[in-house]
Amino acid sequence: MTDTTRPAAEPDVHDPEARFSSRSIRSFVLRQGRMSVAQQRHYEETLPRIGIPYRVAPLDLDVAFGRSAPKIVEIGFGMGETTAKIAAALPDRDFLGIEVHGPGVGSLCKLVADEELGNVRIIQHDAVEVLRDMIGEGSLAGVHVFFPDPWPKKRHHKRRIIQPDFVSLIASRLAPGGYLHCATDWEEYAYWMLEVLRGEPLLQNTAEDYAPRPGYRPLTKFEQRGLRLGHGVWDLVFTRRE
């Protein structure tokens, strides 16, 4: 794992990049996990081919993917099933998955190899720093944040990834008309997300409150089970103002 320790600096509160120079939040909490044999093999064999190292320098996305196409970032792709399905269904778009956990990275690498997906790249690093340091302003067609940790206890709400400063950073990376799509199965977090996204002046809601699930987002096995049990799922789709 890359050492992300940085000296603290006094942030400019009006600059979405500077707000993160003192590392106000992270997009993850490290958890231990063991890779399967297949995940380890693809981590070692496939990641060197589709992985992009984190560095404090602008990333030319067209060069990284070898073509010019709309670029979508997925933050925290878990085990990668959803990312792989969307990428397979939308071959005319490129998908940059950001995840820190090794088993998930190995899992998506295996899916990419098995499905021969040419439109997926991976950065194994903190998404806050990747967006801040590597992704140019106005360069993304979309950002996906699907089922992030809800941190349900009130004292842990500060650990939630959907916070005003991070949403402001995401919005600055979207091209005009680009979208931010969040989804959660935790109702209180859905309320939280709605209020935070409504508070970002660069974004506008595509629905009155919550959006119908867009057809490109497949139902996960966990989500299908929850729906059978009567659990709710909330999608929010906001677009960057023109």
Protein backbone atom coordinates (compact mmCIF):
# COMPACT_ATOMS: atom_id res chain seq x y z
CA MET A 1 0.00 0.00 0.00
CA THR A 2 1.32 3.42 -0.90
CA ASP A 3 2.30 5.65 2.01
CA THR A 4 -0.16 8.52 1.83
CA THR A 5 1.21 10.54 4.77
CA ARG A 6 1.65 14.19 3.88
CA PRO A 7 2.65 17.29 5.83
CA ALA A 8 -0.31 19.38 6.87
CA ALA A 9 -0.99 22.64 5.07
CA GLU A 10 -3.41 25.47 5.63
CA PRO A 11 -6.22 24.90 3.10
CA ASP A 12 -7.92 27.56 1.03
CA VAL A 13 -11.57 27.00 1.95
CA HIS A 14 -12.67 28.22 -1.46
CA ASP A 15 -10.54 25.67 -3.35
CA PRO A 16 -11.92 22.09 -3.47
CA GLU A 17 -8.41 20.74 -4.07
CA ALA A 18 -6.81 22.64 -1.22
CA ARG A 19 -9.42 21.42 1.24
CA PHE A 20 -7.87 17.97 1.01
CA SER A 21 -4.23 19.01 1.41
CA SER A 22 -4.54 18.29 5.14
CA ARG A 23 -6.32 14.96 4.49
CA SER A 24 -9.65 15.87 6.07
CA ILE A 25 -11.21 12.51 5.16
CA ARG A 26 -10.29 9.31 3.42
CA SER A 27 -12.43 7.40 0.99
CA PHE A 28 -11.85 4.14 2.84
CA VAL A 29 -10.97 2.35 6.06
CA LEU A 30 -8.41 -0.41 5.68
CA ARG A 31 -9.68 -3.89 6.47
CA GLN A 32 -7.72 -7.11 6.40
CA GLY A 33 -8.71 -9.69 3.83
CA ARG A 34 -7.11 -12.70 2.22
CA MET A 35 -6.99 -13.20 -1.51
CA SER A 36 -8.06 -16.40 -3.14
CA VAL A 37 -5.54 -18.20 -5.33
CA ALA A 38 -7.24 -16.85 -8.47
CA GLN A 39 -7.39 -13.29 -7.12
CA GLN A 40 -3.71 -13.41 -6.21
CA ARG A 41 -2.74 -14.75 -9.63
CA HIS A 42 -4.67 -12.03 -11.48
CA TYR A 43 -3.41 -9.39 -9.06
CA GLU A 44 0.12 -10.37 -10.07
CA GLU A 45 -0.52 -11.02 -13.78
CA THR A 46 -3.37 -8.72 -14.86
CA LEU A 47 -2.91 -5.65 -12.64
CA PRO A 48 0.45 -4.74 -14.23
CA ARG A 49 -1.41 -4.57 -17.55
CA ILE A 50 -4.48 -2.57 -16.50
CA GLY A 51 -3.28 -0.90 -13.29
CA ILE A 52 -2.26 2.76 -13.11
CA PRO A 53 0.17 3.76 -10.34
CA TYR A 54 -0.83 6.66 -8.12
CA ARG A 55 1.35 9.70 -8.51
CA VAL A 56 1.01 13.42 -7.84
CA ALA A 57 0.76 14.34 -11.51
CA PRO A 58 -2.08 14.82 -14.01
CA LEU A 59 -3.21 11.62 -15.71
CA ASP A 60 -3.92 11.71 -19.44
CA LEU A 61 -7.01 9.50 -19.49
CA ASP A 62 -7.03 9.07 -23.27
CA VAL A 63 -3.45 7.82 -23.19
CA ALA A 64 -4.23 5.53 -20.24
CA PHE A 65 -7.05 3.85 -22.18
CA GLY A 66 -5.52 4.17 -25.62
CA ARG A 67 -8.49 6.02 -27.10
CA SER A 68 -10.78 9.01 -26.78
CA ALA A 69 -14.09 8.04 -25.14
CA PRO A 70 -16.26 9.22 -22.21
CA LYS A 71 -14.53 8.45 -18.93
CA ILE A 72 -16.38 7.17 -15.83
CA VAL A 73 -14.77 6.82 -12.40
CA GLU A 74 -16.10 4.26 -9.92
CA ILE A 75 -15.12 4.93 -6.32
CA GLY A 76 -14.84 1.85 -4.11
CA PHE A 77 -15.80 -0.94 -6.52
CA GLY A 78 -15.75 -3.69 -3.89
CA MET A 79 -15.28 -7.07 -5.60
CA GLY A 80 -15.80 -5.50 -9.02
CA GLU A 81 -18.87 -7.43 -10.26
CA THR A 82 -20.89 -4.28 -10.95
CA THR A 83 -17.96 -2.50 -12.59
CA ALA A 84 -17.33 -5.43 -14.92
CA LYS A 85 -21.01 -5.76 -15.87
CA ILE A 86 -21.38 -2.06 -16.65
CA ALA A 87 -18.13 -1.98 -18.63
CA ALA A 88 -19.23 -5.02 -20.66
CA ALA A 89 -22.63 -3.44 -21.36
CA LEU A 90 -21.15 -0.05 -22.33
CA PRO A 91 -18.09 -0.78 -24.46
CA ASP A 92 -18.11 2.75 -25.88
CA ARG A 93 -17.19 4.16 -22.46
CA ASP A 94 -14.06 3.78 -20.35
CA PHE A 95 -14.16 2.94 -16.64
CA LEU A 96 -11.51 3.83 -14.07
CA GLY A 97 -12.08 1.85 -10.88
CA ILE A 98 -10.54 3.11 -7.64
CA GLU A 99 -10.23 0.65 -4.75
CA VAL A 100 -7.71 0.07 -1.96
CA HIS A 101 -8.51 -3.48 -0.88
CA GLY A 102 -6.34 -6.13 -2.48
CA PRO A 103 -8.93 -8.94 -2.75
CA GLY A 104 -11.34 -6.64 -4.56
CA VAL A 105 -8.64 -5.45 -6.93
CA GLY A 106 -7.66 -9.06 -7.63
CA SER A 107 -11.30 -9.98 -8.18
CA LEU A 108 -11.89 -7.22 -10.73
CA CYS A 109 -8.62 -8.10 -12.47
CA LYS A 110 -9.91 -11.67 -12.87
CA LEU A 111 -13.24 -10.46 -14.26
CA VAL A 112 -11.49 -8.15 -16.71
CA ALA A 113 -9.30 -11.02 -17.92
CA ASP A 114 -12.16 -13.53 -18.10
CA GLU A 115 -14.45 -11.13 -20.00
CA GLU A 116 -11.61 -9.67 -22.09
CA LEU A 117 -12.66 -6.14 -21.15
CA GLY A 118 -10.50 -3.50 -22.77
CA ASN A 119 -12.25 -0.50 -21.23
CA VAL A 120 -11.34 -0.94 -17.54
CA ARG A 121 -8.34 0.46 -15.66
CA ILE A 122 -7.64 0.30 -11.92
CA ILE A 123 -5.91 2.58 -9.45
CA GLN A 124 -5.32 0.99 -6.04
CA HIS A 125 -5.22 4.07 -3.86
CA ASP A 126 -7.32 6.52 -1.87
CA ALA A 127 -9.95 8.01 -4.18
CA VAL A 128 -9.74 11.45 -2.56
CA GLU A 129 -6.08 11.75 -3.47
CA VAL A 130 -6.55 10.27 -6.94
CA LEU A 131 -9.26 12.78 -7.82
CA ARG A 132 -7.32 15.65 -6.31
CA ASP A 133 -3.89 14.86 -7.75
CA MET A 134 -4.47 12.95 -11.00
CA ILE A 135 -7.86 13.81 -12.52
CA GLY A 136 -8.22 17.09 -14.36
CA GLU A 137 -11.07 19.52 -13.90
CA GLY A 138 -14.00 18.92 -16.23
CA SER A 139 -12.53 15.66 -17.58
CA LEU A 140 -15.11 13.07 -16.46
CA ALA A 141 -18.43 12.05 -17.99
CA GLY A 142 -19.54 10.45 -14.73
CA VAL A 143 -18.69 9.23 -11.24
CA HIS A 144 -20.24 6.20 -9.52
CA VAL A 145 -20.35 5.74 -5.74
CA PHE A 146 -22.34 2.57 -5.14
CA PHE A 147 -23.20 1.33 -1.64
CA PRO A 148 -20.43 3.02 0.35
CA ASP A 149 -20.07 2.19 4.03
CA PRO A 150 -23.00 3.97 5.73
CA TRP A 151 -21.24 4.35 9.09
CA PRO A 152 -24.62 4.25 10.86
CA LYS A 153 -23.49 5.38 14.32
CA LYS A 154 -23.79 9.14 14.68
CA ARG A 155 -20.28 9.50 16.08
CA HIS A 156 -18.96 7.88 12.90
CA HIS A 157 -20.83 10.07 10.42
CA LYS A 158 -17.65 12.10 9.85
CA ARG A 159 -16.16 8.97 8.23
CA ARG A 160 -18.77 8.86 5.48
CA ILE A 161 -17.31 9.47 2.06
CA ILE A 162 -20.24 11.62 0.92
CA GLN A 163 -19.28 14.90 2.56
CA PRO A 164 -19.63 18.45 1.19
CA ASP A 165 -15.93 18.93 0.48
CA PHE A 166 -15.57 15.63 -1.36
CA VAL A 167 -18.72 16.20 -3.40
CA SER A 168 -17.33 19.62 -4.34
CA LEU A 169 -14.13 17.96 -5.51
CA ILE A 170 -16.08 15.41 -7.55
CA ALA A 171 -18.23 18.13 -9.10
CA SER A 172 -15.13 20.04 -10.20
CA ARG A 173 -13.89 16.97 -12.09
CA LEU A 174 -17.16 16.47 -13.99
CA ALA A 175 -17.59 17.95 -17.43
CA PRO A 176 -20.70 20.12 -17.88
CA GLY A 177 -23.58 17.69 -18.15
CA GLY A 178 -21.56 14.93 -16.48
CA TYR A 179 -23.23 13.01 -13.68
CA LEU A 180 -22.65 11.80 -10.13
CA HIS A 181 -24.58 8.61 -9.34
CA CYS A 182 -24.76 7.44 -5.73
CA ALA A 183 -26.69 4.45 -4.41
CA THR A 184 -27.30 3.16 -0.90
CA ASP A 185 -29.49 0.62 0.88
CA TRP A 186 -29.34 2.57 4.17
CA GLU A 187 -32.28 4.97 4.38
CA GLU A 188 -30.75 7.46 6.77
CA TYR A 189 -27.64 7.65 4.59
CA ALA A 190 -29.88 8.27 1.58
CA TYR A 191 -31.29 11.34 3.36
CA TRP A 192 -27.74 12.43 4.17
CA MET A 193 -26.60 12.02 0.57
CA LEU A 194 -29.60 13.94 -0.75
CA GLU A 195 -28.94 16.92 1.49
CA VAL A 196 -25.19 16.98 0.77
CA LEU A 197 -25.67 16.75 -3.00
CA ARG A 198 -28.41 19.37 -2.94
CA GLY A 199 -25.99 21.68 -1.16
CA GLU A 200 -23.39 21.58 -3.96
CA PRO A 201 -24.00 24.59 -6.25
CA LEU A 202 -22.36 22.95 -9.28
CA LEU A 203 -24.82 20.05 -9.23
CA GLN A 204 -28.51 19.73 -10.02
CA ASN A 205 -30.82 16.81 -9.28
CA THR A 206 -32.25 14.82 -12.17
CA ALA A 207 -35.27 13.90 -10.02
CA GLU A 208 -37.39 15.60 -7.39
CA ASP A 209 -35.68 13.56 -4.69
CA TYR A 210 -34.44 10.04 -5.54
CA ALA A 211 -34.06 8.71 -9.07
CA PRO A 212 -35.27 5.40 -10.49
CA ARG A 213 -32.41 2.93 -10.77
CA PRO A 214 -30.73 3.68 -14.12
CA GLY A 215 -30.72 0.69 -16.44
CA TYR A 216 -26.92 0.56 -16.58
CA ARG A 217 -26.64 -0.21 -12.85
CA PRO A 218 -27.25 -3.95 -12.42
CA LEU A 219 -28.85 -5.40 -9.32
CA THR A 220 -26.31 -7.12 -7.09
CA LYS A 221 -27.07 -10.46 -5.41
CA PHE A 222 -27.05 -8.70 -2.04
CA GLU A 223 -29.43 -6.04 -3.34
CA GLN A 224 -31.80 -8.63 -4.82
CA ARG A 225 -31.93 -10.44 -1.50
CA GLY A 226 -32.63 -7.20 0.33
CA LEU A 227 -35.45 -6.26 -2.04
CA ARG A 228 -37.06 -9.69 -1.50
CA LEU A 229 -36.96 -8.97 2.22
CA GLY A 230 -38.56 -5.57 1.73
CA HIS A 231 -35.42 -3.48 2.16
CA GLY A 232 -35.18 -0.23 0.24
CA VAL A 233 -32.52 0.96 -2.18
CA TRP A 234 -32.09 4.62 -3.08
CA ASP A 235 -30.39 6.00 -6.19
CA LEU A 236 -29.38 9.63 -6.56
CA VAL A 237 -28.30 11.05 -9.91
CA PHE A 238 -27.09 14.64 -10.06
CA THR A 239 -25.58 16.36 -13.08
CA ARG A 240 -22.98 19.10 -13.41
CA ARG A 241 -24.61 22.37 -14.39
CA GLU A 242 -23.81 23.57 -17.90
